[in-house]
Amino acid sequence: MDEHSQSYHQKEATPKPDAALSHQTPPAGPSMQERQKLIQALQEQAVQRANPLQANLGMLTGDVLAVTYFLGQRLKQRLPDLDADGRTSEAFFREADMYLKCVRQTDRLMQMQRQRDPPED
């Protein structure tokens, strides 16, 4: 099969989104309890590492993820809240900034873990 016909078949095999489905609201995602279980599992894996630095990075990552999730939930609840002038409050922006800082810190911690993990075969 040549490249042209191969790419044509790949395009045909890709399902097209249903117009009726595209207007549905996305699933809510994991519940708070499910998130806490995932964070706990991450931390349980971390403490099993022989390298104390790796173990601590995993524990810190879990802690930051827990704070990030909490802040994200608060922001979602406060999103529709506007002050008397119809603007979002300064406190909301401070909290949103803190949330984004936590997200960036989580990314940094995960990058540090990946750099220190031995490559898997």
PDB file of N, CA and C in Angstrom:
ATOM      1  N   MET A   1       0.857  -1.169   0.000  1.00  0.00           N
ATOM      2  CA  MET A   1       0.000   0.000   0.000  1.00  0.00           C
ATOM      3  C   MET A   1       0.904   1.233   0.000  1.00  0.00           C
ATOM      4  N   ASP A   2       0.656   2.195  -0.897  1.00  0.00           N
ATOM      5  CA  ASP A   2       1.496   3.389  -0.940  1.00  0.00           C
ATOM      6  C   ASP A   2       1.106   4.365   0.173  1.00  0.00           C
ATOM      7  N   GLU A   3       1.932   5.413   0.352  1.00  0.00           N
ATOM      8  CA  GLU A   3       1.725   6.358   1.456  1.00  0.00           C
ATOM      9  C   GLU A   3       0.387   7.076   1.359  1.00  0.00           C
ATOM     10  N   HIS A   4       0.010   7.436   0.137  1.00  0.00           N
ATOM     11  CA  HIS A   4      -1.239   8.177  -0.046  1.00  0.00           C
ATOM     12  C   HIS A   4      -2.439   7.334   0.375  1.00  0.00           C
ATOM     13  N   SER A   5      -2.508   6.113  -0.114  1.00  0.00           N
ATOM     14  CA  SER A   5      -3.660   5.280   0.230  1.00  0.00           C
ATOM     15  C   SER A   5      -3.643   4.878   1.698  1.00  0.00           C
ATOM     16  N   GLN A   6      -2.428   4.738   2.264  1.00  0.00           N
ATOM     17  CA  GLN A   6      -2.324   4.398   3.682  1.00  0.00           C
ATOM     18  C   GLN A   6      -2.865   5.547   4.543  1.00  0.00           C
ATOM     19  N   SER A   7      -2.484   6.798   4.221  1.00  0.00           N
ATOM     20  CA  SER A   7      -2.978   7.932   4.997  1.00  0.00           C
ATOM     21  C   SER A   7      -4.484   8.108   4.795  1.00  0.00           C
ATOM     22  N   TYR A   8      -4.980   7.786   3.591  1.00  0.00           N
ATOM     23  CA  TYR A   8      -6.411   7.872   3.330  1.00  0.00           C
ATOM     24  C   TYR A   8      -7.169   6.890   4.224  1.00  0.00           C
ATOM     25  N   HIS A   9      -6.676   5.653   4.333  1.00  0.00           N
ATOM     26  CA  HIS A   9      -7.337   4.652   5.169  1.00  0.00           C
ATOM     27  C   HIS A   9      -7.276   5.035   6.644  1.00  0.00           C
ATOM     28  N   GLN A  10      -6.188   5.666   7.066  1.00  0.00           N
ATOM     29  CA  GLN A  10      -6.083   6.099   8.449  1.00  0.00           C
ATOM     30  C   GLN A  10      -7.119   7.181   8.740  1.00  0.00           C
ATOM     31  N   LYS A  11      -7.313   8.097   7.798  1.00  0.00           N
ATOM     32  CA  LYS A  11      -8.316   9.146   7.985  1.00  0.00           C
ATOM     33  C   LYS A  11      -9.712   8.556   8.062  1.00  0.00           C
ATOM     34  N   GLU A  12      -9.978   7.554   7.218  1.00  0.00           N
ATOM     35  CA  GLU A  12     -11.287   6.929   7.215  1.00  0.00           C
ATOM     36  C   GLU A  12     -11.548   6.166   8.508  1.00  0.00           C
ATOM     37  N   ALA A  13     -10.491   5.608   9.089  1.00  0.00           N
ATOM     38  CA  ALA A  13     -10.643   4.819  10.311  1.00  0.00           C
ATOM     39  C   ALA A  13     -10.870   5.689  11.538  1.00  0.00           C
ATOM     40  N   THR A  14     -10.506   6.967  11.451  1.00  0.00           N
ATOM     41  CA  THR A  14     -10.689   7.865  12.581  1.00  0.00           C
ATOM     42  C   THR A  14     -12.164   8.211  12.709  1.00  0.00           C
ATOM     43  N   PRO A  15     -12.768   7.888  13.863  1.00  0.00           N
ATOM     44  CA  PRO A  15     -14.191   8.200  14.010  1.00  0.00           C
ATOM     45  C   PRO A  15     -14.426   9.699  14.074  1.00  0.00           C
ATOM     46  N   LYS A  16     -15.506  10.124  13.474  1.00  0.00           N
ATOM     47  CA  LYS A  16     -15.866  11.532  13.491  1.00  0.00           C
ATOM     48  C   LYS A  16     -16.745  11.784  14.708  1.00  0.00           C
ATOM     49  N   PRO A  17     -16.529  12.919  15.399  1.00  0.00           N
ATOM     50  CA  PRO A  17     -17.349  13.189  16.584  1.00  0.00           C
ATOM     51  C   PRO A  17     -18.805  13.373  16.211  1.00  0.00           C
ATOM     52  N   ASP A  18     -19.663  12.824  17.021  1.00  0.00           N
ATOM     53  CA  ASP A  18     -21.104  12.950  16.827  1.00  0.00           C
ATOM     54  C   ASP A  18     -21.528  14.347  17.267  1.00  0.00           C
ATOM     55  N   ALA A  19     -22.241  15.049  16.430  1.00  0.00           N
ATOM     56  CA  ALA A  19     -22.652  16.420  16.747  1.00  0.00           C
ATOM     57  C   ALA A  19     -23.495  16.473  18.019  1.00  0.00           C
ATOM     58  N   ALA A  20     -24.323  15.469  18.231  1.00  0.00           N
ATOM     59  CA  ALA A  20     -25.168  15.461  19.430  1.00  0.00           C
ATOM     60  C   ALA A  20     -24.332  15.268  20.688  1.00  0.00           C
ATOM     61  N   LEU A  21     -23.255  14.502  20.592  1.00  0.00           N
ATOM     62  CA  LEU A  21     -22.404  14.247  21.755  1.00  0.00           C
ATOM     63  C   LEU A  21     -21.520  15.434  22.103  1.00  0.00           C
ATOM     64  N   SER A  22     -21.185  16.250  21.136  1.00  0.00           N
ATOM     65  CA  SER A  22     -20.268  17.358  21.386  1.00  0.00           C
ATOM     66  C   SER A  22     -20.867  18.435  22.278  1.00  0.00           C
ATOM     67  N   HIS A  23     -22.183  18.459  22.452  1.00  0.00           N
ATOM     68  CA  HIS A  23     -22.822  19.474  23.276  1.00  0.00           C
ATOM     69  C   HIS A  23     -23.079  18.998  24.706  1.00  0.00           C
ATOM     70  N   GLN A  24     -22.733  17.752  24.999  1.00  0.00           N
ATOM     71  CA  GLN A  24     -22.924  17.238  26.345  1.00  0.00           C
ATOM     72  C   GLN A  24     -21.859  17.801  27.264  1.00  0.00           C
ATOM     73  N   THR A  25     -22.186  17.920  28.539  1.00  0.00           N
ATOM     74  CA  THR A  25     -21.203  18.393  29.499  1.00  0.00           C
ATOM     75  C   THR A  25     -20.208  17.270  29.775  1.00  0.00           C
ATOM     76  N   PRO A  26     -18.943  17.630  29.951  1.00  0.00           N
ATOM     77  CA  PRO A  26     -17.932  16.601  30.207  1.00  0.00           C
ATOM     78  C   PRO A  26     -18.146  15.968  31.571  1.00  0.00           C
ATOM     79  N   PRO A  27     -17.621  14.757  31.763  1.00  0.00           N
ATOM     80  CA  PRO A  27     -17.783  14.121  33.069  1.00  0.00           C
ATOM     81  C   PRO A  27     -17.121  14.956  34.155  1.00  0.00           C
ATOM     82  N   ALA A  28     -17.638  14.844  35.367  1.00  0.00           N
ATOM     83  CA  ALA A  28     -17.169  15.666  36.479  1.00  0.00           C
ATOM     84  C   ALA A  28     -15.752  15.327  36.910  1.00  0.00           C
ATOM     85  N   GLY A  29     -15.277  14.146  36.593  1.00  0.00           N
ATOM     86  CA  GLY A  29     -13.944  13.755  37.017  1.00  0.00           C
ATOM     87  C   GLY A  29     -13.988  13.027  38.346  1.00  0.00           C
ATOM     88  N   PRO A  30     -12.825  12.682  38.847  1.00  0.00           N
ATOM     89  CA  PRO A  30     -12.805  11.926  40.100  1.00  0.00           C
ATOM     90  C   PRO A  30     -13.312  12.756  41.277  1.00  0.00           C
ATOM     91  N   SER A  31     -13.937  12.062  42.217  1.00  0.00           N
ATOM     92  CA  SER A  31     -14.434  12.734  43.410  1.00  0.00           C
ATOM     93  C   SER A  31     -13.265  13.072  44.331  1.00  0.00           C
ATOM     94  N   MET A  32     -13.566  13.829  45.379  1.00  0.00           N
ATOM     95  CA  MET A  32     -12.531  14.194  46.341  1.00  0.00           C
ATOM     96  C   MET A  32     -11.930  12.937  46.984  1.00  0.00           C
ATOM     97  N   GLN A  33     -12.774  11.962  47.305  1.00  0.00           N
ATOM     98  CA  GLN A  33     -12.286  10.728  47.909  1.00  0.00           C
ATOM     99  C   GLN A  33     -11.399   9.958  46.946  1.00  0.00           C
ATOM    100  N   GLU A  34     -11.779   9.927  45.667  1.00  0.00           N
ATOM    101  CA  GLU A  34     -10.953   9.243  44.666  1.00  0.00           C
ATOM    102  C   GLU A  34      -9.609   9.944  44.493  1.00  0.00           C
ATOM    103  N   ARG A  35      -9.626  11.266  44.504  1.00  0.00           N
ATOM    104  CA  ARG A  35      -8.375  12.023  44.414  1.00  0.00           C
ATOM    105  C   ARG A  35      -7.480  11.736  45.611  1.00  0.00           C
ATOM    106  N   GLN A  36      -8.074  11.717  46.799  1.00  0.00           N
ATOM    107  CA  GLN A  36      -7.295  11.445  48.003  1.00  0.00           C
ATOM    108  C   GLN A  36      -6.688  10.050  47.964  1.00  0.00           C
ATOM    109  N   LYS A  37      -7.433   9.077  47.433  1.00  0.00           N
ATOM    110  CA  LYS A  37      -6.897   7.725  47.299  1.00  0.00           C
ATOM    111  C   LYS A  37      -5.723   7.695  46.318  1.00  0.00           C
ATOM    112  N   LEU A  38      -5.830   8.433  45.218  1.00  0.00           N
ATOM    113  CA  LEU A  38      -4.742   8.492  44.241  1.00  0.00           C
ATOM    114  C   LEU A  38      -3.494   9.140  44.847  1.00  0.00           C
ATOM    115  N   ILE A  39      -3.699  10.204  45.598  1.00  0.00           N
ATOM    116  CA  ILE A  39      -2.573  10.880  46.247  1.00  0.00           C
ATOM    117  C   ILE A  39      -1.941   9.952  47.281  1.00  0.00           C
ATOM    118  N   GLN A  40      -2.781   9.264  48.034  1.00  0.00           N
ATOM    119  CA  GLN A  40      -2.273   8.332  49.045  1.00  0.00           C
ATOM    120  C   GLN A  40      -1.486   7.200  48.380  1.00  0.00           C
ATOM    121  N   ALA A  41      -1.971   6.698  47.253  1.00  0.00           N
ATOM    122  CA  ALA A  41      -1.255   5.637  46.535  1.00  0.00           C
ATOM    123  C   ALA A  41       0.104   6.144  46.050  1.00  0.00           C
ATOM    124  N   LEU A  42       0.144   7.387  45.546  1.00  0.00           N
ATOM    125  CA  LEU A  42       1.407   7.981  45.107  1.00  0.00           C
ATOM    126  C   LEU A  42       2.386   8.056  46.274  1.00  0.00           C
ATOM    127  N   GLN A  43       1.909   8.479  47.430  1.00  0.00           N
ATOM    128  CA  GLN A  43       2.779   8.615  48.586  1.00  0.00           C
ATOM    129  C   GLN A  43       3.197   7.249  49.143  1.00  0.00           C
ATOM    130  N   GLU A  44       2.323   6.268  49.063  1.00  0.00           N
ATOM    131  CA  GLU A  44       2.687   4.923  49.502  1.00  0.00           C
ATOM    132  C   GLU A  44       3.794   4.355  48.622  1.00  0.00           C
ATOM    133  N   GLN A  45       3.716   4.602  47.330  1.00  0.00           N
ATOM    134  CA  GLN A  45       4.783   4.174  46.424  1.00  0.00           C
ATOM    135  C   GLN A  45       6.077   4.914  46.743  1.00  0.00           C
ATOM    136  N   ALA A  46       5.951   6.179  47.078  1.00  0.00           N
ATOM    137  CA  ALA A  46       7.145   6.992  47.338  1.00  0.00           C
ATOM    138  C   ALA A  46       7.923   6.492  48.544  1.00  0.00           C
ATOM    139  N   VAL A  47       7.239   6.157  49.627  1.00  0.00           N
ATOM    140  CA  VAL A  47       7.952   5.738  50.836  1.00  0.00           C
ATOM    141  C   VAL A  47       8.603   4.373  50.677  1.00  0.00           C
ATOM    142  N   GLN A  48       8.257   3.650  49.644  1.00  0.00           N
ATOM    143  CA  GLN A  48       8.877   2.350  49.395  1.00  0.00           C
ATOM    144  C   GLN A  48      10.201   2.471  48.643  1.00  0.00           C
ATOM    145  N   ARG A  49      10.544   3.651  48.205  1.00  0.00           N
ATOM    146  CA  ARG A  49      11.800   3.845  47.472  1.00  0.00           C
ATOM    147  C   ARG A  49      12.982   3.787  48.426  1.00  0.00           C
ATOM    148  N   ALA A  50      14.049   3.197  47.941  1.00  0.00           N
ATOM    149  CA  ALA A  50      15.249   3.049  48.772  1.00  0.00           C
ATOM    150  C   ALA A  50      15.965   4.382  48.963  1.00  0.00           C
ATOM    151  N   ASN A  51      15.914   5.236  47.968  1.00  0.00           N
ATOM    152  CA  ASN A  51      16.594   6.530  48.012  1.00  0.00           C
ATOM    153  C   ASN A  51      15.738   7.507  48.826  1.00  0.00           C
ATOM    154  N   PRO A  52      16.278   8.015  49.964  1.00  0.00           N
ATOM    155  CA  PRO A  52      15.482   8.929  50.800  1.00  0.00           C
ATOM    156  C   PRO A  52      15.058  10.204  50.076  1.00  0.00           C
ATOM    157  N   LEU A  53      15.894  10.717  49.181  1.00  0.00           N
ATOM    158  CA  LEU A  53      15.528  11.915  48.429  1.00  0.00           C
ATOM    159  C   LEU A  53      14.326  11.623  47.537  1.00  0.00           C
ATOM    160  N   GLN A  54      14.363  10.492  46.848  1.00  0.00           N
ATOM    161  CA  GLN A  54      13.238  10.108  45.991  1.00  0.00           C
ATOM    162  C   GLN A  54      11.966   9.923  46.816  1.00  0.00           C
ATOM    163  N   ALA A  55      12.100   9.302  47.977  1.00  0.00           N
ATOM    164  CA  ALA A  55      10.933   9.092  48.835  1.00  0.00           C
ATOM    165  C   ALA A  55      10.338  10.430  49.276  1.00  0.00           C
ATOM    166  N   ASN A  56      11.185  11.361  49.669  1.00  0.00           N
ATOM    167  CA  ASN A  56      10.698  12.677  50.100  1.00  0.00           C
ATOM    168  C   ASN A  56      10.096  13.470  48.954  1.00  0.00           C
ATOM    169  N   LEU A  57      10.687  13.380  47.764  1.00  0.00           N
ATOM    170  CA  LEU A  57      10.114  14.072  46.606  1.00  0.00           C
ATOM    171  C   LEU A  57       8.708  13.553  46.314  1.00  0.00           C
ATOM    172  N   GLY A  58       8.532  12.252  46.423  1.00  0.00           N
ATOM    173  CA  GLY A  58       7.205  11.668  46.199  1.00  0.00           C
ATOM    174  C   GLY A  58       6.200  12.118  47.236  1.00  0.00           C
ATOM    175  N   MET A  59       6.632  12.184  48.487  1.00  0.00           N
ATOM    176  CA  MET A  59       5.734  12.638  49.555  1.00  0.00           C
ATOM    177  C   MET A  59       5.357  14.109  49.355  1.00  0.00           C
ATOM    178  N   LEU A  60       6.345  14.934  49.035  1.00  0.00           N
ATOM    179  CA  LEU A  60       6.073  16.360  48.792  1.00  0.00           C
ATOM    180  C   LEU A  60       5.148  16.550  47.592  1.00  0.00           C
ATOM    181  N   THR A  61       5.381  15.772  46.564  1.00  0.00           N
ATOM    182  CA  THR A  61       4.526  15.865  45.378  1.00  0.00           C
ATOM    183  C   THR A  61       3.077  15.566  45.753  1.00  0.00           C
ATOM    184  N   GLY A  62       2.863  14.532  46.549  1.00  0.00           N
ATOM    185  CA  GLY A  62       1.508  14.206  47.001  1.00  0.00           C
ATOM    186  C   GLY A  62       0.892  15.326  47.818  1.00  0.00           C
ATOM    187  N   ASP A  63       1.695  15.912  48.709  1.00  0.00           N
ATOM    188  CA  ASP A  63       1.187  17.020  49.530  1.00  0.00           C
ATOM    189  C   ASP A  63       0.796  18.217  48.668  1.00  0.00           C
ATOM    190  N   VAL A  64       1.647  18.552  47.717  1.00  0.00           N
ATOM    191  CA  VAL A  64       1.353  19.700  46.842  1.00  0.00           C
ATOM    192  C   VAL A  64       0.133  19.393  45.973  1.00  0.00           C
ATOM    193  N   LEU A  65       0.007  18.155  45.507  1.00  0.00           N
ATOM    194  CA  LEU A  65      -1.173  17.777  44.721  1.00  0.00           C
ATOM    195  C   LEU A  65      -2.452  17.929  45.542  1.00  0.00           C
ATOM    196  N   ALA A  66      -2.397  17.554  46.822  1.00  0.00           N
ATOM    197  CA  ALA A  66      -3.577  17.684  47.678  1.00  0.00           C
ATOM    198  C   ALA A  66      -3.976  19.150  47.835  1.00  0.00           C
ATOM    199  N   VAL A  67      -3.001  20.018  48.061  1.00  0.00           N
ATOM    200  CA  VAL A  67      -3.287  21.455  48.199  1.00  0.00           C
ATOM    201  C   VAL A  67      -3.816  22.009  46.876  1.00  0.00           C
ATOM    202  N   THR A  68      -3.206  21.583  45.774  1.00  0.00           N
ATOM    203  CA  THR A  68      -3.616  22.057  44.451  1.00  0.00           C
ATOM    204  C   THR A  68      -5.060  21.665  44.171  1.00  0.00           C
ATOM    205  N   TYR A  69      -5.402  20.442  44.486  1.00  0.00           N
ATOM    206  CA  TYR A  69      -6.775  19.989  44.253  1.00  0.00           C
ATOM    207  C   TYR A  69      -7.760  20.803  45.093  1.00  0.00           C
ATOM    208  N   PHE A  70      -7.427  21.020  46.358  1.00  0.00           N
ATOM    209  CA  PHE A  70      -8.291  21.806  47.247  1.00  0.00           C
ATOM    210  C   PHE A  70      -8.494  23.222  46.693  1.00  0.00           C
ATOM    211  N   LEU A  71      -7.393  23.867  46.298  1.00  0.00           N
ATOM    212  CA  LEU A  71      -7.503  25.225  45.749  1.00  0.00           C
ATOM    213  C   LEU A  71      -8.323  25.244  44.464  1.00  0.00           C
ATOM    214  N   GLY A  72      -8.127  24.239  43.634  1.00  0.00           N
ATOM    215  CA  GLY A  72      -8.889  24.162  42.384  1.00  0.00           C
ATOM    216  C   GLY A  72     -10.373  24.037  42.631  1.00  0.00           C
ATOM    217  N   GLN A  73     -10.744  23.234  43.620  1.00  0.00           N
ATOM    218  CA  GLN A  73     -12.157  23.090  43.967  1.00  0.00           C
ATOM    219  C   GLN A  73     -12.737  24.411  44.465  1.00  0.00           C
ATOM    220  N   ARG A  74     -11.989  25.108  45.314  1.00  0.00           N
ATOM    221  CA  ARG A  74     -12.466  26.406  45.818  1.00  0.00           C
ATOM    222  C   ARG A  74     -12.638  27.406  44.689  1.00  0.00           C
ATOM    223  N   LEU A  75     -11.701  27.408  43.750  1.00  0.00           N
ATOM    224  CA  LEU A  75     -11.805  28.343  42.623  1.00  0.00           C
ATOM    225  C   LEU A  75     -13.034  28.044  41.776  1.00  0.00           C
ATOM    226  N   LYS A  76     -13.313  26.779  41.548  1.00  0.00           N
ATOM    227  CA  LYS A  76     -14.494  26.418  40.760  1.00  0.00           C
ATOM    228  C   LYS A  76     -15.772  26.889  41.443  1.00  0.00           C
ATOM    229  N   GLN A  77     -15.812  26.786  42.775  1.00  0.00           N
ATOM    230  CA  GLN A  77     -16.995  27.227  43.509  1.00  0.00           C
ATOM    231  C   GLN A  77     -17.142  28.743  43.477  1.00  0.00           C
ATOM    232  N   ARG A  78     -16.015  29.455  43.530  1.00  0.00           N
ATOM    233  CA  ARG A  78     -16.052  30.915  43.593  1.00  0.00           C
ATOM    234  C   ARG A  78     -16.091  31.572  42.219  1.00  0.00           C
ATOM    235  N   LEU A  79     -15.915  30.812  41.165  1.00  0.00           N
ATOM    236  CA  LEU A  79     -15.846  31.389  39.825  1.00  0.00           C
ATOM    237  C   LEU A  79     -17.039  32.275  39.485  1.00  0.00           C
ATOM    238  N   PRO A  80     -18.257  31.865  39.763  1.00  0.00           N
ATOM    239  CA  PRO A  80     -19.381  32.739  39.397  1.00  0.00           C
ATOM    240  C   PRO A  80     -19.565  33.936  40.327  1.00  0.00           C
ATOM    241  N   ASP A  81     -18.858  33.968  41.460  1.00  0.00           N
ATOM    242  CA  ASP A  81     -19.020  35.071  42.412  1.00  0.00           C
ATOM    243  C   ASP A  81     -18.391  36.356  41.871  1.00  0.00           C
ATOM    244  N   LEU A  82     -19.177  37.392  41.851  1.00  0.00           N
ATOM    245  CA  LEU A  82     -18.704  38.697  41.410  1.00  0.00           C
ATOM    246  C   LEU A  82     -18.950  39.704  42.520  1.00  0.00           C
ATOM    247  N   ASP A  83     -18.143  40.756  42.554  1.00  0.00           N
ATOM    248  CA  ASP A  83     -18.387  41.792  43.558  1.00  0.00           C
ATOM    249  C   ASP A  83     -19.521  42.707  43.087  1.00  0.00           C
ATOM    250  N   ALA A  84     -19.791  43.757  43.826  1.00  0.00           N
ATOM    251  CA  ALA A  84     -20.924  44.643  43.533  1.00  0.00           C
ATOM    252  C   ALA A  84     -20.808  45.315  42.164  1.00  0.00           C
ATOM    253  N   ASP A  85     -19.575  45.530  41.685  1.00  0.00           N
ATOM    254  CA  ASP A  85     -19.370  46.170  40.382  1.00  0.00           C
ATOM    255  C   ASP A  85     -19.410  45.175  39.228  1.00  0.00           C
ATOM    256  N   GLY A  86     -19.644  43.890  39.527  1.00  0.00           N
ATOM    257  CA  GLY A  86     -19.680  42.893  38.463  1.00  0.00           C
ATOM    258  C   GLY A  86     -18.312  42.360  38.096  1.00  0.00           C
ATOM    259  N   ARG A  87     -17.312  42.618  38.942  1.00  0.00           N
ATOM    260  CA  ARG A  87     -15.959  42.121  38.679  1.00  0.00           C
ATOM    261  C   ARG A  87     -15.619  41.023  39.668  1.00  0.00           C
ATOM    262  N   THR A  88     -14.685  40.206  39.272  1.00  0.00           N
ATOM    263  CA  THR A  88     -14.200  39.168  40.173  1.00  0.00           C
ATOM    264  C   THR A  88     -13.327  39.833  41.230  1.00  0.00           C
ATOM    265  N   SER A  89     -13.415  39.357  42.455  1.00  0.00           N
ATOM    266  CA  SER A  89     -12.697  39.990  43.559  1.00  0.00           C
ATOM    267  C   SER A  89     -11.188  39.770  43.466  1.00  0.00           C
ATOM    268  N   GLU A  90     -10.455  40.648  44.110  1.00  0.00           N
ATOM    269  CA  GLU A  90      -8.998  40.551  44.173  1.00  0.00           C
ATOM    270  C   GLU A  90      -8.584  39.258  44.867  1.00  0.00           C
ATOM    271  N   ALA A  91      -9.356  38.834  45.863  1.00  0.00           N
ATOM    272  CA  ALA A  91      -9.048  37.587  46.576  1.00  0.00           C
ATOM    273  C   ALA A  91      -9.098  36.395  45.626  1.00  0.00           C
ATOM    274  N   PHE A  92     -10.024  36.409  44.682  1.00  0.00           N
ATOM    275  CA  PHE A  92     -10.110  35.329  43.703  1.00  0.00           C
ATOM    276  C   PHE A  92      -8.829  35.252  42.887  1.00  0.00           C
ATOM    277  N   PHE A  93      -8.337  36.403  42.444  1.00  0.00           N
ATOM    278  CA  PHE A  93      -7.115  36.409  41.638  1.00  0.00           C
ATOM    279  C   PHE A  93      -5.899  35.954  42.444  1.00  0.00           C
ATOM    280  N   ARG A  94      -5.842  36.311  43.722  1.00  0.00           N
ATOM    281  CA  ARG A  94      -4.745  35.835  44.574  1.00  0.00           C
ATOM    282  C   ARG A  94      -4.805  34.315  44.714  1.00  0.00           C
ATOM    283  N   GLU A  95      -6.012  33.807  44.910  1.00  0.00           N
ATOM    284  CA  GLU A  95      -6.177  32.363  45.043  1.00  0.00           C
ATOM    285  C   GLU A  95      -5.862  31.649  43.732  1.00  0.00           C
ATOM    286  N   ALA A  96      -6.272  32.231  42.625  1.00  0.00           N
ATOM    287  CA  ALA A  96      -5.962  31.641  41.315  1.00  0.00           C
ATOM    288  C   ALA A  96      -4.454  31.627  41.083  1.00  0.00           C
ATOM    289  N   ASP A  97      -3.773  32.685  41.496  1.00  0.00           N
ATOM    290  CA  ASP A  97      -2.323  32.739  41.371  1.00  0.00           C
ATOM    291  C   ASP A  97      -1.663  31.650  42.221  1.00  0.00           C
ATOM    292  N   MET A  98      -2.154  31.458  43.435  1.00  0.00           N
ATOM    293  CA  MET A  98      -1.619  30.414  44.309  1.00  0.00           C
ATOM    294  C   MET A  98      -1.847  29.032  43.689  1.00  0.00           C
ATOM    295  N   TYR A  99      -3.015  28.827  43.105  1.00  0.00           N
ATOM    296  CA  TYR A  99      -3.322  27.559  42.441  1.00  0.00           C
ATOM    297  C   TYR A  99      -2.312  27.287  41.326  1.00  0.00           C
ATOM    298  N   LEU A 100      -2.072  28.291  40.493  1.00  0.00           N
ATOM    299  CA  LEU A 100      -1.132  28.111  39.384  1.00  0.00           C
ATOM    300  C   LEU A 100       0.287  27.879  39.888  1.00  0.00           C
ATOM    301  N   LYS A 101       0.665  28.510  40.975  1.00  0.00           N
ATOM    302  CA  LYS A 101       1.981  28.256  41.576  1.00  0.00           C
ATOM    303  C   LYS A 101       2.087  26.806  42.040  1.00  0.00           C
ATOM    304  N   CYS A 102       1.019  26.289  42.618  1.00  0.00           N
ATOM    305  CA  CYS A 102       1.015  24.884  43.059  1.00  0.00           C
ATOM    306  C   CYS A 102       1.119  23.935  41.863  1.00  0.00           C
ATOM    307  N   VAL A 103       0.419  24.260  40.796  1.00  0.00           N
ATOM    308  CA  VAL A 103       0.496  23.434  39.584  1.00  0.00           C
ATOM    309  C   VAL A 103       1.930  23.418  39.059  1.00  0.00           C
ATOM    310  N   ARG A 104       2.564  24.590  38.997  1.00  0.00           N
ATOM    311  CA  ARG A 104       3.955  24.663  38.523  1.00  0.00           C
ATOM    312  C   ARG A 104       4.895  23.902  39.445  1.00  0.00           C
ATOM    313  N   GLN A 105       4.678  24.003  40.764  1.00  0.00           N
ATOM    314  CA  GLN A 105       5.538  23.295  41.705  1.00  0.00           C
ATOM    315  C   GLN A 105       5.375  21.787  41.557  1.00  0.00           C
ATOM    316  N   THR A 106       4.164  21.336  41.341  1.00  0.00           N
ATOM    317  CA  THR A 106       3.939  19.907  41.116  1.00  0.00           C
ATOM    318  C   THR A 106       4.710  19.450  39.889  1.00  0.00           C
ATOM    319  N   ASP A 107       4.655  20.236  38.827  1.00  0.00           N
ATOM    320  CA  ASP A 107       5.391  19.900  37.610  1.00  0.00           C
ATOM    321  C   ASP A 107       6.893  19.825  37.889  1.00  0.00           C
ATOM    322  N   ARG A 108       7.412  20.774  38.635  1.00  0.00           N
ATOM    323  CA  ARG A 108       8.845  20.763  38.970  1.00  0.00           C
ATOM    324  C   ARG A 108       9.222  19.513  39.749  1.00  0.00           C
ATOM    325  N   LEU A 109       8.415  19.178  40.748  1.00  0.00           N
ATOM    326  CA  LEU A 109       8.700  17.987  41.556  1.00  0.00           C
ATOM    327  C   LEU A 109       8.651  16.720  40.708  1.00  0.00           C
ATOM    328  N   MET A 110       7.679  16.644  39.815  1.00  0.00           N
ATOM    329  CA  MET A 110       7.579  15.473  38.936  1.00  0.00           C
ATOM    330  C   MET A 110       8.781  15.394  38.002  1.00  0.00           C
ATOM    331  N   GLN A 111       9.228  16.534  37.487  1.00  0.00           N
ATOM    332  CA  GLN A 111      10.414  16.549  36.619  1.00  0.00           C
ATOM    333  C   GLN A 111      11.646  16.083  37.390  1.00  0.00           C
ATOM    334  N   MET A 112      11.770  16.526  38.630  1.00  0.00           N
ATOM    335  CA  MET A 112      12.907  16.104  39.448  1.00  0.00           C
ATOM    336  C   MET A 112      12.872  14.593  39.668  1.00  0.00           C
ATOM    337  N   GLN A 113      11.692  14.056  39.905  1.00  0.00           N
ATOM    338  CA  GLN A 113      11.573  12.609  40.091  1.00  0.00           C
ATOM    339  C   GLN A 113      11.956  11.861  38.821  1.00  0.00           C
ATOM    340  N   ARG A 114      11.489  12.337  37.685  1.00  0.00           N
ATOM    341  CA  ARG A 114      11.797  11.664  36.407  1.00  0.00           C
ATOM    342  C   ARG A 114      13.292  11.686  36.133  1.00  0.00           C
ATOM    343  N   GLN A 115      13.948  12.780  36.467  1.00  0.00           N
ATOM    344  CA  GLN A 115      15.395  12.876  36.236  1.00  0.00           C
ATOM    345  C   GLN A 115      16.161  11.904  37.111  1.00  0.00           C
ATOM    346  N   ARG A 116      15.652  11.632  38.294  1.00  0.00           N
ATOM    347  CA  ARG A 116      16.358  10.767  39.228  1.00  0.00           C
ATOM    348  C   ARG A 116      15.983   9.297  39.116  1.00  0.00           C
ATOM    349  N   ASP A 117      14.836   9.023  38.499  1.00  0.00           N
ATOM    350  CA  ASP A 117      14.414   7.625  38.338  1.00  0.00           C
ATOM    351  C   ASP A 117      15.317   6.925  37.339  1.00  0.00           C
ATOM    352  N   PRO A 118      15.711   5.688  37.638  1.00  0.00           N
ATOM    353  CA  PRO A 118      16.475   4.947  36.647  1.00  0.00           C
ATOM    354  C   PRO A 118      15.591   4.621  35.453  1.00  0.00           C
ATOM    355  N   PRO A 119      16.157   4.630  34.255  1.00  0.00           N
ATOM    356  CA  PRO A 119      15.341   4.310  33.066  1.00  0.00           C
ATOM    357  C   PRO A 119      14.811   2.882  33.138  1.00  0.00           C
ATOM    358  N   GLU A 120      13.557   2.728  32.749  1.00  0.00           N
ATOM    359  CA  GLU A 120      12.941   1.401  32.748  1.00  0.00           C
ATOM    360  C   GLU A 120      13.247   0.713  31.439  1.00  0.00           C
ATOM    361  N   ASP A 121      13.506  -0.577  31.525  1.00  0.00           N
ATOM    362  CA  ASP A 121      13.795  -1.366  30.297  1.00  0.00           C
ATOM    363  C   ASP A 121      12.565  -1.996  29.743  1.00  0.00           C
TER     364      ASP A 121
END
